[in-house]
Amino acid sequence: MDNVEELEKICQKIIKLNSKMRSARFINSRGHLMAGGMKKGLLSLEAQKQDEMMFMELALRVRMRHEFDKEFGEVHFSMSYRSKVIVMSFPLSNDDVLLLSCEKEIDFGSMAFKVLKIIEPIKKSPTKTF
């Protein structure tokens, strides 16, 4: 199976976890979309150009968070509770990241841990890149 196909399947599995999921995307360490996207039938709240900027900013933030790993331990996920949506990011090996968005009504606490179980094999593989 092709790696991108594997990532697409993971994105679909995550989106199917809850009807409140909006998107699941794998972003590489340079901020480029590798797999995933919006849930079928939903439109993105931002324009494609804004997506690209958000992905690059996210990739930079993921790299910068390593600065505090020694003091606090590694980051397993980060979450932004915004006015319109919840955005979660899950750092992976080689500073790649899984980016999720969901409706605010979701049980984001349990959702994050369900996602961690799904991506655990990817997180444990230090040589796996997208």
Foldseek 3Di string as FASTA:
>chain_A
DDPQVVVQVLFVVLCVVDVFWFWKFKAFLQLHTRYIDTDPPDDDPDDPVVSSVVSNVLSVVLVVVVVCCVPPNHDQKDWDDDPAWIWMWGAAAPSIIMITIGGNPDPVVVSSVVSCVSCVVRRVDNPDGD
